[in-house]
Amino acid sequence: MMRRWLALFTTRRVCVYGFFGLLLLLGLGIYPDYGISWDEDLSRATGMVSLRYVAEKIFPALVAHHQDGTYPPLSDWANRDYGVVFEMPACLLERVLRIDDLGARYRLRHLLTFLVCFGGVIAVYQLGRQRFSDWRLGLLGAAWLVLSPRLFAESFYNSKDAVFMALMAIATVTAVRLVLRPTTGRAIWHALACAAAIDVRVMGIVLPGATLGLLVVRALGGRVAWRTLGRVAGLYAVLLAVFVVAGWPYLWAAPWTNLKSAFQHMSVYYWDNTVLYRGELVRALALPWHYAPVWIGITTPVFYLVWLLVGLVAVGGSFRPVRWRLWADDDHVQDLLFALLLLGPLLAVIVLHSALYDGWRHLYFVYPALLLLALRGWALAWHWLSSRQHWRLAAPALLAVTGLSMLHLTIFIVKAHPNQQVYFNPLAGQQVATSYELDYWGLSFRQGLNYIVSHDARPRIIIQANAEVAPVARLNLCMLPAADRQRVVFTESKQAADYFITNYRWHPRPYPYPHEVHRVMAGEVRILSVFKLK
């Protein structure tokens, strides 16, 4: 009995459970700090529309009794083809808990978003531990994900891209297990995980394609029996289709037709607004091919990028196309999967000229694969340095540099809270504020509004926001205390306003107002200003 209790306190258990326990406590402590982003109101409405549709199918009498006309039928909703596997349960929980305050509803959404993304961090740990057969490297990969400033912040409010990234990481865990040892049980779990990812964004279909492709390659190389492949792949394909349709109400009426429509919508999404890129306002439909690679390059910590390059070279150097085996062992198969998940979508958006905006958030789902390939490069360097007597001091130096890099990122995350989403590495240059989009989500409006109501005690405060971003400014008002909300009135008239508030989106130039009474900073970059007009 004593040995069993002592086993609970091994170094591995203390480190792993301690890391994830502290991360969970941190998330539970800071999730209320974030503002409301542009998409959250629309995402919540899409969830409510789908929830109404499901309720009409299951409890039509109940829906008819509570009909309030707030949300239209699914067939009349413009965003009906958006996946709702996260949005609909979040809306249902909001109703079950009878949360009426709008600010409390969004705080609940932020909590749920964090919990899903917390699962994504666990998945990255499992992928690293599986690939390198070392829990320490798995924990390092999980720490790198947490210490990615932009993803740290977005894990609390981005119910589209960050949640999709987390579910893709979880589905990748099940993909690795299925590819290495195909069984019916693993096929069921992988089908369920892939369906959850697809039912957030249809782009998740890339993972089933990669999984089935690797299974075929392993069968051609003699590592998987064809009979086993046929049984497992057949079961997986059927269950995947069933689970995808079950979790996406839009598909219920016409599964195949509506799935094709959703995929086509994703492929040729029309958003003909402008984005600030390299100092110029460029139409989203006319962005250069290097838009996504540049954004990845200037917002990913340089330390990770260095090891990513080493990892990609190492994976490419291990390529041995001998009688369909391609990669020699299970480790190399995992590397191949990570490379496909990183490079495949990136090349696809370049070749297809897909409409991107707001940085590279539409490609966040490739980030776990990026980190795992970077971890591959770091592990290669560590083993090489550790195995050479003449380089004995280099291995501890590598640990020291790694620790310092992670400490630097930690300091930024703490100082920039809750605006870590506006992180740029040194590759972005000195003129970041006038070269790239900053707080495109509009989260900092919460802090600006909070400053105004905290420093102005009048019963009526009139505020003007720059017209392009006024909707998200108004939305963030609901995150203030109820008494303060009643005191604030938004206006479009400069003459009537007491304050002007802006986050500089679509207007990177200074405003001609001399009395800036408050600014919100993310590191060294100003992302919001409050000007007193009277």
Protein backbone atom coordinates (compact mmCIF):
# COMPACT_ATOMS: atom_id res chain seq x y z
CA MET A 1 0.00 0.00 0.00
CA MET A 2 2.79 2.42 0.91
CA ARG A 3 4.52 1.82 -2.41
CA ARG A 4 1.30 2.55 -4.27
CA TRP A 5 0.93 5.90 -2.52
CA LEU A 6 4.58 6.76 -3.11
CA ALA A 7 4.14 5.98 -6.81
CA LEU A 8 1.64 8.83 -7.03
CA PHE A 9 4.42 11.29 -6.23
CA THR A 10 7.00 10.32 -8.81
CA THR A 11 8.71 13.11 -10.68
CA ARG A 12 6.64 12.51 -13.78
CA ARG A 13 3.33 12.66 -11.96
CA VAL A 14 4.29 15.73 -9.97
CA CYS A 15 5.45 17.61 -13.08
CA VAL A 16 2.62 16.59 -15.40
CA TYR A 17 -0.25 16.90 -12.96
CA GLY A 18 1.28 20.01 -11.44
CA PHE A 19 1.61 21.68 -14.84
CA PHE A 20 -1.93 20.94 -15.95
CA GLY A 21 -3.37 21.64 -12.51
CA LEU A 22 -1.77 25.07 -12.40
CA LEU A 23 -2.84 25.79 -15.98
CA LEU A 24 -6.43 24.87 -15.12
CA LEU A 25 -6.41 27.08 -12.02
CA LEU A 26 -4.90 29.94 -14.02
CA GLY A 27 -7.59 29.67 -16.68
CA LEU A 28 -10.38 29.52 -14.13
CA GLY A 29 -8.95 32.64 -12.51
CA ILE A 30 -8.48 34.87 -15.55
CA TYR A 31 -11.18 33.86 -18.04
CA PRO A 32 -13.49 36.72 -16.89
CA ASP A 33 -10.81 39.30 -17.82
CA TYR A 34 -11.26 39.18 -21.59
CA GLY A 35 -13.49 41.40 -23.68
CA ILE A 36 -15.92 40.36 -26.39
CA SER A 37 -14.66 39.82 -29.92
CA TRP A 38 -16.28 40.72 -33.23
CA ASP A 39 -17.53 37.22 -34.00
CA GLU A 40 -18.91 36.16 -30.65
CA ASP A 41 -22.34 37.74 -31.01
CA LEU A 42 -22.85 36.18 -34.43
CA SER A 43 -21.47 32.81 -33.30
CA ARG A 44 -23.82 32.73 -30.34
CA ALA A 45 -26.78 33.62 -32.57
CA THR A 46 -25.85 30.80 -34.96
CA GLY A 47 -25.84 28.39 -32.03
CA MET A 48 -29.25 29.62 -30.90
CA VAL A 49 -30.72 29.23 -34.39
CA SER A 50 -29.49 25.63 -34.59
CA LEU A 51 -30.67 24.94 -31.05
CA ARG A 52 -34.13 26.15 -32.00
CA TYR A 53 -34.08 23.92 -35.09
CA VAL A 54 -33.19 20.84 -33.03
CA ALA A 55 -35.82 21.68 -30.41
CA GLU A 56 -38.45 22.02 -33.14
CA LYS A 57 -37.60 18.52 -34.32
CA ILE A 58 -37.63 16.94 -30.85
CA PHE A 59 -39.98 19.11 -28.74
CA PRO A 60 -42.13 21.08 -31.21
CA ALA A 61 -44.86 21.87 -28.66
CA LEU A 62 -42.35 23.32 -26.21
CA VAL A 63 -40.79 25.54 -28.89
CA ALA A 64 -44.18 26.80 -30.04
CA HIS A 65 -45.05 27.72 -26.44
CA HIS A 66 -41.81 29.70 -25.95
CA GLN A 67 -41.59 31.28 -29.38
CA ASP A 68 -40.33 34.86 -29.04
CA GLY A 69 -39.27 35.65 -32.61
CA THR A 70 -35.71 36.52 -31.59
CA TYR A 71 -34.05 33.92 -33.80
CA PRO A 72 -35.24 33.02 -37.31
CA PRO A 73 -35.67 29.49 -38.70
CA LEU A 74 -32.47 27.74 -39.74
CA SER A 75 -33.45 27.92 -43.42
CA ASP A 76 -33.56 31.74 -43.22
CA TRP A 77 -30.27 32.17 -41.36
CA ALA A 78 -27.40 33.47 -43.50
CA ASN A 79 -24.76 31.48 -41.56
CA ARG A 80 -26.74 28.25 -41.39
CA ASP A 81 -23.84 26.25 -42.87
CA TYR A 82 -21.48 27.05 -39.97
CA GLY A 83 -20.59 24.14 -37.69
CA VAL A 84 -22.22 24.37 -34.27
CA VAL A 85 -20.84 21.44 -32.27
CA PHE A 86 -19.45 23.96 -29.78
CA GLU A 87 -21.95 26.79 -30.17
CA MET A 88 -25.12 24.76 -29.71
CA PRO A 89 -24.12 23.04 -26.42
CA ALA A 90 -22.88 26.41 -25.12
CA CYS A 91 -26.26 27.97 -25.88
CA LEU A 92 -28.08 25.01 -24.35
CA LEU A 93 -26.06 25.31 -21.14
CA GLU A 94 -26.82 29.02 -21.05
CA ARG A 95 -30.54 28.20 -21.18
CA VAL A 96 -30.33 25.35 -18.67
CA LEU A 97 -28.53 27.60 -16.18
CA ARG A 98 -31.05 30.39 -16.93
CA ILE A 99 -28.39 33.04 -17.43
CA ASP A 100 -30.17 36.24 -18.41
CA ASP A 101 -27.40 38.81 -18.05
CA LEU A 102 -25.65 39.29 -21.39
CA GLY A 103 -22.22 39.79 -19.82
CA ALA A 104 -22.59 36.58 -17.80
CA ARG A 105 -23.49 34.70 -20.98
CA TYR A 106 -20.27 35.74 -22.67
CA ARG A 107 -18.22 34.93 -19.59
CA LEU A 108 -19.73 31.43 -19.67
CA ARG A 109 -18.71 31.13 -23.32
CA HIS A 110 -15.18 32.21 -22.43
CA LEU A 111 -15.00 29.56 -19.72
CA LEU A 112 -16.19 26.83 -22.08
CA THR A 113 -13.77 27.98 -24.78
CA PHE A 114 -10.90 27.75 -22.32
CA LEU A 115 -11.90 24.26 -21.18
CA VAL A 116 -11.93 22.96 -24.76
CA CYS A 117 -8.56 24.58 -25.47
CA PHE A 118 -7.24 23.13 -22.22
CA GLY A 119 -8.06 19.73 -23.71
CA GLY A 120 -6.06 20.74 -26.77
CA VAL A 121 -2.99 21.40 -24.61
CA ILE A 122 -3.36 17.93 -23.10
CA ALA A 123 -3.55 16.51 -26.63
CA VAL A 124 -0.28 18.21 -27.63
CA TYR A 125 1.34 16.71 -24.53
CA GLN A 126 0.11 13.26 -25.51
CA LEU A 127 1.32 13.67 -29.08
CA GLY A 128 4.80 14.72 -27.93
CA ARG A 129 5.02 11.93 -25.37
CA GLN A 130 3.90 9.36 -27.96
CA ARG A 131 6.25 10.60 -30.66
CA PHE A 132 9.41 10.89 -28.55
CA SER A 133 8.61 8.24 -25.93
CA ASP A 134 9.46 10.83 -23.29
CA TRP A 135 6.94 12.62 -21.08
CA ARG A 136 9.38 15.51 -20.61
CA LEU A 137 9.36 16.35 -24.31
CA GLY A 138 5.59 16.04 -24.35
CA LEU A 139 5.38 18.50 -21.50
CA LEU A 140 7.79 20.85 -23.28
CA GLY A 141 5.54 20.84 -26.35
CA ALA A 142 2.48 21.57 -24.21
CA ALA A 143 4.35 24.43 -22.52
CA TRP A 144 5.29 25.87 -25.91
CA LEU A 145 1.62 25.93 -26.88
CA VAL A 146 0.68 27.70 -23.64
CA LEU A 147 3.56 30.15 -24.11
CA SER A 148 2.38 31.17 -27.58
CA PRO A 149 0.98 34.59 -26.66
CA ARG A 150 -1.61 34.93 -29.38
CA LEU A 151 -2.99 31.44 -28.86
CA PHE A 152 -2.92 31.96 -25.09
CA ALA A 153 -5.37 34.85 -25.38
CA GLU A 154 -7.50 33.37 -28.14
CA SER A 155 -8.01 30.22 -26.07
CA PHE A 156 -10.42 32.25 -23.93
CA TYR A 157 -12.71 33.82 -26.52
CA ASN A 158 -12.14 32.43 -30.03
CA SER A 159 -14.81 29.74 -30.24
CA LYS A 160 -14.09 29.22 -33.93
CA ASP A 161 -10.38 29.03 -34.68
CA ALA A 162 -8.96 28.22 -31.23
CA VAL A 163 -11.62 25.61 -30.50
CA PHE A 164 -11.07 24.09 -33.94
CA MET A 165 -7.33 23.96 -33.29
CA ALA A 166 -7.90 22.17 -29.97
CA LEU A 167 -10.30 19.63 -31.48
CA MET A 168 -7.90 18.99 -34.36
CA ALA A 169 -5.12 18.30 -31.86
CA ILE A 170 -7.35 15.84 -30.03
CA ALA A 171 -8.32 14.19 -33.31
CA THR A 172 -4.63 13.96 -34.26
CA VAL A 173 -4.02 11.93 -31.08
CA THR A 174 -6.65 9.43 -32.20
CA ALA A 175 -5.24 9.49 -35.75
CA VAL A 176 -1.75 8.53 -34.56
CA ARG A 177 -3.11 5.66 -32.50
CA LEU A 178 -5.24 4.37 -35.36
CA VAL A 179 -2.46 4.57 -37.95
CA LEU A 180 0.08 2.82 -35.72
CA ARG A 181 -2.27 0.04 -34.64
CA PRO A 182 -5.58 -0.13 -36.51
CA THR A 183 -8.40 -1.59 -34.38
CA THR A 184 -12.15 -1.14 -34.42
CA GLY A 185 -12.10 0.63 -31.06
CA ARG A 186 -9.54 3.16 -32.26
CA ALA A 187 -11.53 3.66 -35.47
CA ILE A 188 -14.60 4.57 -33.42
CA TRP A 189 -12.73 7.10 -31.30
CA HIS A 190 -11.04 8.66 -34.31
CA ALA A 191 -14.35 8.97 -36.17
CA LEU A 192 -15.89 10.72 -33.18
CA ALA A 193 -12.94 13.10 -32.74
CA CYS A 194 -12.76 13.95 -36.46
CA ALA A 195 -16.51 14.56 -36.58
CA ALA A 196 -16.25 17.02 -33.69
CA ALA A 197 -13.52 18.95 -35.54
CA ILE A 198 -15.40 18.94 -38.85
CA ASP A 199 -18.55 20.12 -37.09
CA VAL A 200 -16.68 23.26 -36.04
CA ARG A 201 -14.99 23.91 -39.39
CA VAL A 202 -15.42 21.78 -42.48
CA MET A 203 -11.66 22.14 -43.11
CA GLY A 204 -11.30 19.34 -40.55
CA ILE A 205 -11.87 16.94 -43.44
CA VAL A 206 -8.11 17.10 -44.12
CA LEU A 207 -7.42 14.83 -41.14
CA PRO A 208 -9.56 11.86 -42.29
CA GLY A 209 -7.91 12.17 -45.69
CA ALA A 210 -4.43 12.08 -44.15
CA THR A 211 -5.38 9.17 -41.89
CA LEU A 212 -6.75 6.99 -44.67
CA GLY A 213 -3.83 7.86 -46.93
CA LEU A 214 -1.27 6.79 -44.32
CA LEU A 215 -3.18 3.57 -43.64
CA VAL A 216 -3.05 2.71 -47.35
CA VAL A 217 0.67 3.49 -47.51
CA ARG A 218 1.32 1.26 -44.50
CA ALA A 219 -0.68 -1.53 -46.11
CA LEU A 220 1.35 -1.19 -49.30
CA GLY A 221 4.50 -1.42 -47.20
CA GLY A 222 3.28 -4.60 -45.52
CA ARG A 223 2.84 -3.05 -42.07
CA VAL A 224 -0.97 -3.38 -42.07
CA ALA A 225 -2.92 -6.37 -43.41
CA TRP A 226 -5.28 -5.48 -46.22
CA ARG A 227 -8.12 -7.32 -44.53
CA THR A 228 -7.59 -5.30 -41.38
CA LEU A 229 -7.38 -2.10 -43.40
CA GLY A 230 -10.66 -2.84 -45.18
CA ARG A 231 -12.51 -3.65 -41.98
CA VAL A 232 -11.19 -0.70 -39.99
CA ALA A 233 -11.37 1.87 -42.80
CA GLY A 234 -14.90 0.82 -43.72
CA LEU A 235 -16.11 1.13 -40.14
CA TYR A 236 -14.32 4.45 -39.73
CA ALA A 237 -15.82 5.95 -42.91
CA VAL A 238 -19.37 4.92 -42.00
CA LEU A 239 -19.14 6.17 -38.42
CA LEU A 240 -17.48 9.40 -39.49
CA ALA A 241 -20.38 10.16 -41.82
CA VAL A 242 -22.92 9.32 -39.12
CA PHE A 243 -21.21 11.39 -36.43
CA VAL A 244 -20.68 14.40 -38.71
CA VAL A 245 -24.35 14.52 -39.69
CA ALA A 246 -25.53 13.91 -36.13
CA GLY A 247 -23.54 16.86 -34.76
CA TRP A 248 -24.44 19.33 -37.52
CA PRO A 249 -28.18 20.08 -37.77
CA TYR A 250 -27.76 21.93 -41.06
CA LEU A 251 -26.94 18.59 -42.70
CA TRP A 252 -30.01 16.75 -41.45
CA ALA A 253 -32.33 17.76 -44.29
CA ALA A 254 -29.89 16.92 -47.13
CA PRO A 255 -26.56 15.58 -45.80
CA TRP A 256 -24.54 15.28 -48.98
CA THR A 257 -25.91 18.36 -50.74
CA ASN A 258 -25.54 20.61 -47.72
CA LEU A 259 -22.05 19.29 -46.92
CA LYS A 260 -20.93 20.16 -50.45
CA SER A 261 -22.50 23.59 -50.09
CA ALA A 262 -20.67 24.20 -46.81
CA PHE A 263 -17.38 23.08 -48.33
CA GLN A 264 -17.84 25.32 -51.38
CA HIS A 265 -18.70 28.25 -49.14
CA MET A 266 -15.52 27.66 -47.17
CA SER A 267 -13.43 27.33 -50.34
CA VAL A 268 -14.63 30.55 -51.96
CA TYR A 269 -15.61 32.59 -48.90
CA TYR A 270 -16.44 36.15 -49.93
CA TRP A 271 -15.16 38.87 -47.58
CA ASP A 272 -14.25 41.85 -49.70
CA ASN A 273 -13.01 44.19 -47.00
CA THR A 274 -9.50 45.54 -46.51
CA VAL A 275 -6.71 44.39 -44.19
CA LEU A 276 -3.59 46.23 -43.13
CA TYR A 277 -0.63 44.30 -44.48
CA ARG A 278 2.94 45.56 -44.62
CA GLY A 279 1.80 49.17 -44.31
CA GLU A 280 -0.92 49.07 -46.96
CA LEU A 281 -4.67 48.50 -46.83
CA VAL A 282 -5.19 45.56 -49.21
CA ARG A 283 -8.45 43.90 -50.27
CA ALA A 284 -8.85 40.50 -48.64
CA LEU A 285 -9.67 38.96 -52.03
CA ALA A 286 -6.45 40.30 -53.55
CA LEU A 287 -3.87 39.40 -50.94
CA PRO A 288 -0.43 38.23 -52.10
CA TRP A 289 0.48 34.56 -51.78
CA HIS A 290 2.88 35.24 -48.91
CA TYR A 291 0.22 36.74 -46.60
CA ALA A 292 -0.25 33.60 -44.46
CA PRO A 293 3.46 32.59 -44.28
CA VAL A 294 4.46 36.13 -43.30
CA TRP A 295 1.83 36.33 -40.58
CA ILE A 296 2.93 32.97 -39.19
CA GLY A 297 6.52 34.18 -39.31
CA ILE A 298 5.94 37.46 -37.45
CA THR A 299 3.57 36.17 -34.75
CA THR A 300 5.18 32.84 -33.81
CA PRO A 301 8.01 33.13 -31.27
CA VAL A 302 11.34 33.13 -33.15
CA PHE A 303 12.66 30.39 -30.87
CA TYR A 304 9.96 28.03 -32.16
CA LEU A 305 10.58 29.03 -35.78
CA VAL A 306 14.27 28.15 -35.53
CA TRP A 307 13.52 24.64 -34.31
CA LEU A 308 10.74 24.28 -36.86
CA LEU A 309 13.26 24.74 -39.67
CA VAL A 310 15.58 22.18 -38.06
CA GLY A 311 12.68 19.78 -37.65
CA LEU A 312 11.53 20.12 -41.25
CA VAL A 313 15.06 19.45 -42.51
CA ALA A 314 15.29 16.40 -40.25
CA VAL A 315 11.96 15.02 -41.45
CA GLY A 316 12.90 15.60 -45.09
CA GLY A 317 16.26 13.92 -44.56
CA SER A 318 14.60 10.81 -43.14
CA PHE A 319 12.61 10.21 -46.33
CA ARG A 320 13.42 6.75 -47.67
CA PRO A 321 10.99 5.68 -50.43
CA VAL A 322 11.68 1.94 -50.44
CA ARG A 323 8.82 -0.24 -51.71
CA TRP A 324 6.05 2.05 -50.37
CA ARG A 325 7.51 2.18 -46.90
CA LEU A 326 8.35 5.86 -47.25
CA TRP A 327 9.40 6.24 -43.62
CA ALA A 328 11.30 3.53 -41.81
CA ASP A 329 9.44 3.26 -38.51
CA ASP A 330 6.51 4.49 -36.45
CA ASP A 331 8.30 7.66 -35.38
CA HIS A 332 8.79 8.72 -38.97
CA VAL A 333 5.14 7.99 -39.79
CA GLN A 334 4.13 10.44 -37.07
CA ASP A 335 6.53 13.03 -38.46
CA LEU A 336 4.96 12.58 -41.86
CA LEU A 337 1.48 13.13 -40.43
CA PHE A 338 2.60 16.33 -38.69
CA ALA A 339 4.27 17.60 -41.87
CA LEU A 340 1.13 16.90 -43.90
CA LEU A 341 -1.07 18.71 -41.39
CA LEU A 342 1.22 21.76 -41.43
CA LEU A 343 2.27 22.08 -45.06
CA GLY A 344 -0.86 20.71 -46.77
CA PRO A 345 -3.35 23.41 -45.63
CA LEU A 346 -0.74 26.15 -45.98
CA LEU A 347 0.00 25.20 -49.59
CA ALA A 348 -3.73 24.81 -50.29
CA VAL A 349 -4.60 28.39 -49.30
CA ILE A 350 -1.67 29.66 -51.37
CA VAL A 351 -2.56 27.67 -54.48
CA LEU A 352 -6.33 28.25 -54.23
CA HIS A 353 -5.91 31.96 -53.37
CA SER A 354 -8.30 31.52 -50.44
CA ALA A 355 -9.66 34.69 -48.84
CA LEU A 356 -7.86 35.26 -45.53
CA TYR A 357 -8.13 38.10 -43.07
CA ASP A 358 -7.39 38.93 -39.45
CA GLY A 359 -3.89 37.49 -39.68
CA TRP A 360 -3.65 33.73 -40.00
CA ARG A 361 -6.40 32.74 -37.56
CA HIS A 362 -8.06 30.55 -40.20
CA LEU A 363 -4.92 28.40 -40.13
CA TYR A 364 -4.49 28.13 -36.37
CA PHE A 365 -5.36 24.45 -36.61
CA VAL A 366 -1.91 23.74 -38.12
CA TYR A 367 -0.15 25.17 -35.07
CA PRO A 368 0.04 21.96 -32.98
CA ALA A 369 1.73 20.24 -35.94
CA LEU A 370 4.12 23.19 -36.24
CA LEU A 371 5.08 22.89 -32.57
CA LEU A 372 5.58 19.13 -32.80
CA LEU A 373 7.90 19.54 -35.77
CA ALA A 374 9.76 22.25 -33.86
CA LEU A 375 10.01 19.83 -30.95
CA ARG A 376 11.47 17.30 -33.38
CA GLY A 377 14.23 19.76 -34.25
CA TRP A 378 14.90 20.63 -30.59
CA ALA A 379 15.05 16.95 -29.59
CA LEU A 380 17.46 16.20 -32.43
CA ALA A 381 19.79 18.98 -31.26
CA TRP A 382 19.54 17.85 -27.65
CA HIS A 383 20.41 14.23 -28.41
CA TRP A 384 23.25 15.24 -30.71
CA LEU A 385 24.81 17.57 -28.15
CA SER A 386 24.30 15.17 -25.26
CA SER A 387 26.02 12.31 -27.06
CA ARG A 388 29.31 14.17 -27.70
CA GLN A 389 31.87 14.49 -24.97
CA HIS A 390 33.52 17.55 -26.47
CA TRP A 391 30.16 19.34 -26.45
CA ARG A 392 29.16 18.53 -22.89
CA LEU A 393 28.59 22.17 -21.99
CA ALA A 394 26.46 22.78 -25.08
CA ALA A 395 23.55 20.64 -23.86
CA PRO A 396 23.14 22.63 -20.61
CA ALA A 397 23.48 25.80 -22.67
CA LEU A 398 20.61 24.64 -24.87
CA LEU A 399 18.48 24.13 -21.76
CA ALA A 400 19.42 27.58 -20.50
CA VAL A 401 18.53 29.28 -23.79
CA THR A 402 15.25 27.37 -23.89
CA GLY A 403 14.42 28.42 -20.35
CA LEU A 404 15.27 32.07 -21.03
CA SER A 405 13.15 32.10 -24.18
CA MET A 406 10.19 30.66 -22.32
CA LEU A 407 10.71 33.12 -19.47
CA HIS A 408 10.70 36.02 -21.93
CA LEU A 409 7.38 34.83 -23.38
CA THR A 410 5.94 34.38 -19.90
CA ILE A 411 6.84 37.96 -19.00
CA PHE A 412 5.15 39.27 -22.14
CA ILE A 413 1.99 37.25 -21.43
CA VAL A 414 1.82 38.62 -17.89
CA LYS A 415 2.53 42.24 -18.84
CA ALA A 416 0.21 42.28 -21.87
CA HIS A 417 -2.74 40.63 -20.09
CA PRO A 418 -5.48 40.53 -21.28
CA ASN A 419 -4.24 41.56 -24.74
CA GLN A 420 -1.72 38.84 -25.53
CA GLN A 421 -3.42 38.44 -28.93
CA VAL A 422 -1.44 41.48 -30.11
CA TYR A 423 1.94 39.75 -30.05
CA PHE A 424 4.60 40.28 -32.69
CA ASN A 425 8.12 38.91 -32.70
CA PRO A 426 11.16 41.01 -33.78
CA LEU A 427 10.74 39.89 -37.41
CA ALA A 428 7.72 42.22 -37.67
CA GLY A 429 10.02 45.24 -37.53
CA GLN A 430 9.78 48.52 -35.64
CA GLN A 431 6.69 49.98 -37.34
CA VAL A 432 4.20 47.32 -36.28
CA ALA A 433 1.39 49.76 -35.48
CA THR A 434 1.28 51.10 -39.02
CA SER A 435 2.20 47.88 -40.81
CA TYR A 436 -0.16 45.15 -39.53
CA GLU A 437 -3.57 44.69 -37.96
CA LEU A 438 -3.42 45.04 -34.16
CA ASP A 439 -6.54 44.47 -32.04
CA TYR A 440 -8.72 43.37 -34.93
CA TRP A 441 -10.98 41.46 -32.50
CA GLY A 442 -11.89 44.67 -30.65
CA LEU A 443 -11.29 43.18 -27.20
CA SER A 444 -9.53 46.24 -25.82
CA PHE A 445 -12.74 48.29 -26.00
CA ARG A 446 -13.72 46.70 -22.70
CA GLN A 447 -10.70 48.24 -21.00
CA GLY A 448 -11.29 51.62 -22.62
CA LEU A 449 -14.93 51.70 -21.56
CA ASN A 450 -14.01 50.53 -18.08
CA TYR A 451 -11.56 53.44 -17.77
CA ILE A 452 -14.22 55.97 -18.78
CA VAL A 453 -16.88 54.80 -16.33
CA SER A 454 -14.27 54.49 -13.57
CA HIS A 455 -13.04 58.07 -13.99
CA ASP A 456 -16.27 59.85 -14.88
CA ALA A 457 -18.98 59.76 -12.20
CA ARG A 458 -21.68 61.59 -14.18
CA PRO A 459 -25.02 59.79 -14.59
CA ARG A 460 -24.83 60.16 -18.39
CA ILE A 461 -21.68 59.71 -20.47
CA ILE A 462 -21.82 60.12 -24.26
CA ILE A 463 -19.21 58.22 -26.28
CA GLN A 464 -18.37 58.13 -29.97
CA ALA A 465 -16.44 55.24 -31.49
CA ASN A 466 -14.92 55.27 -34.96
CA ALA A 467 -17.72 54.14 -37.23
CA GLU A 468 -16.06 51.01 -38.62
CA VAL A 469 -15.68 49.35 -35.21
CA ALA A 470 -18.58 50.89 -33.29
CA PRO A 471 -20.57 47.60 -33.19
CA VAL A 472 -17.89 45.74 -31.24
CA ALA A 473 -17.41 48.75 -28.96
CA ARG A 474 -21.11 48.65 -28.08
CA LEU A 475 -20.95 44.91 -27.58
CA ASN A 476 -18.18 45.25 -25.00
CA LEU A 477 -20.38 47.56 -22.97
CA CYS A 478 -22.25 44.54 -21.65
CA MET A 479 -19.08 43.37 -19.86
CA LEU A 480 -19.28 46.36 -17.51
CA PRO A 481 -21.31 46.35 -14.26
CA ALA A 482 -25.03 46.84 -14.87
CA ALA A 483 -25.10 50.26 -13.18
CA ASP A 484 -22.32 51.58 -15.42
CA ARG A 485 -23.97 50.28 -18.58
CA GLN A 486 -26.98 52.46 -17.88
CA ARG A 487 -24.81 55.58 -17.77
CA VAL A 488 -23.20 55.12 -21.21
CA VAL A 489 -24.78 56.30 -24.44
CA PHE A 490 -23.14 55.82 -27.84
CA THR A 491 -23.52 58.49 -30.49
CA GLU A 492 -22.40 59.07 -34.07
CA SER A 493 -22.08 62.81 -33.49
CA LYS A 494 -18.71 64.25 -32.58
CA GLN A 495 -20.37 67.44 -31.32
CA ALA A 496 -22.54 65.53 -28.82
CA ALA A 497 -19.83 63.16 -27.56
CA ASP A 498 -17.84 63.54 -24.37
CA TYR A 499 -15.25 60.95 -25.42
CA PHE A 500 -13.93 59.39 -28.59
CA ILE A 501 -12.68 55.79 -28.40
CA THR A 502 -10.82 53.85 -31.09
CA ASN A 503 -8.73 50.71 -31.55
CA TYR A 504 -7.23 52.01 -34.85
CA ARG A 505 -8.57 49.21 -37.03
CA TRP A 506 -8.89 50.38 -40.64
CA HIS A 507 -7.38 53.65 -39.43
CA PRO A 508 -3.69 53.14 -38.52
CA ARG A 509 -2.97 56.86 -38.61
CA PRO A 510 -3.21 59.13 -35.54
CA TYR A 511 -6.45 61.00 -34.84
CA PRO A 512 -6.50 64.82 -34.65
CA TYR A 513 -7.63 64.90 -31.02
CA PRO A 514 -5.11 66.46 -28.59
CA HIS A 515 -6.43 65.15 -25.27
CA GLU A 516 -5.66 61.46 -25.05
CA VAL A 517 -6.63 60.55 -21.48
CA HIS A 518 -6.04 56.80 -21.67
CA ARG A 519 -4.31 54.23 -23.86
CA VAL A 520 -4.21 50.43 -23.78
CA MET A 521 -0.84 48.87 -24.52
CA ALA A 522 0.19 45.38 -25.59
CA GLY A 523 3.88 45.31 -24.89
CA GLU A 524 5.27 48.41 -26.59
CA VAL A 525 2.36 48.82 -29.01
CA ARG A 526 -0.64 51.10 -28.44
CA ILE A 527 -3.82 49.29 -29.41
CA LEU A 528 -6.57 51.60 -28.10
CA SER A 529 -6.98 55.26 -27.21
CA VAL A 530 -9.57 57.24 -25.30
CA PHE A 531 -9.76 60.95 -26.17
CA LYS A 532 -11.65 63.48 -24.10
CA LEU A 533 -13.59 65.81 -26.38
CA LYS A 534 -15.20 68.06 -23.77
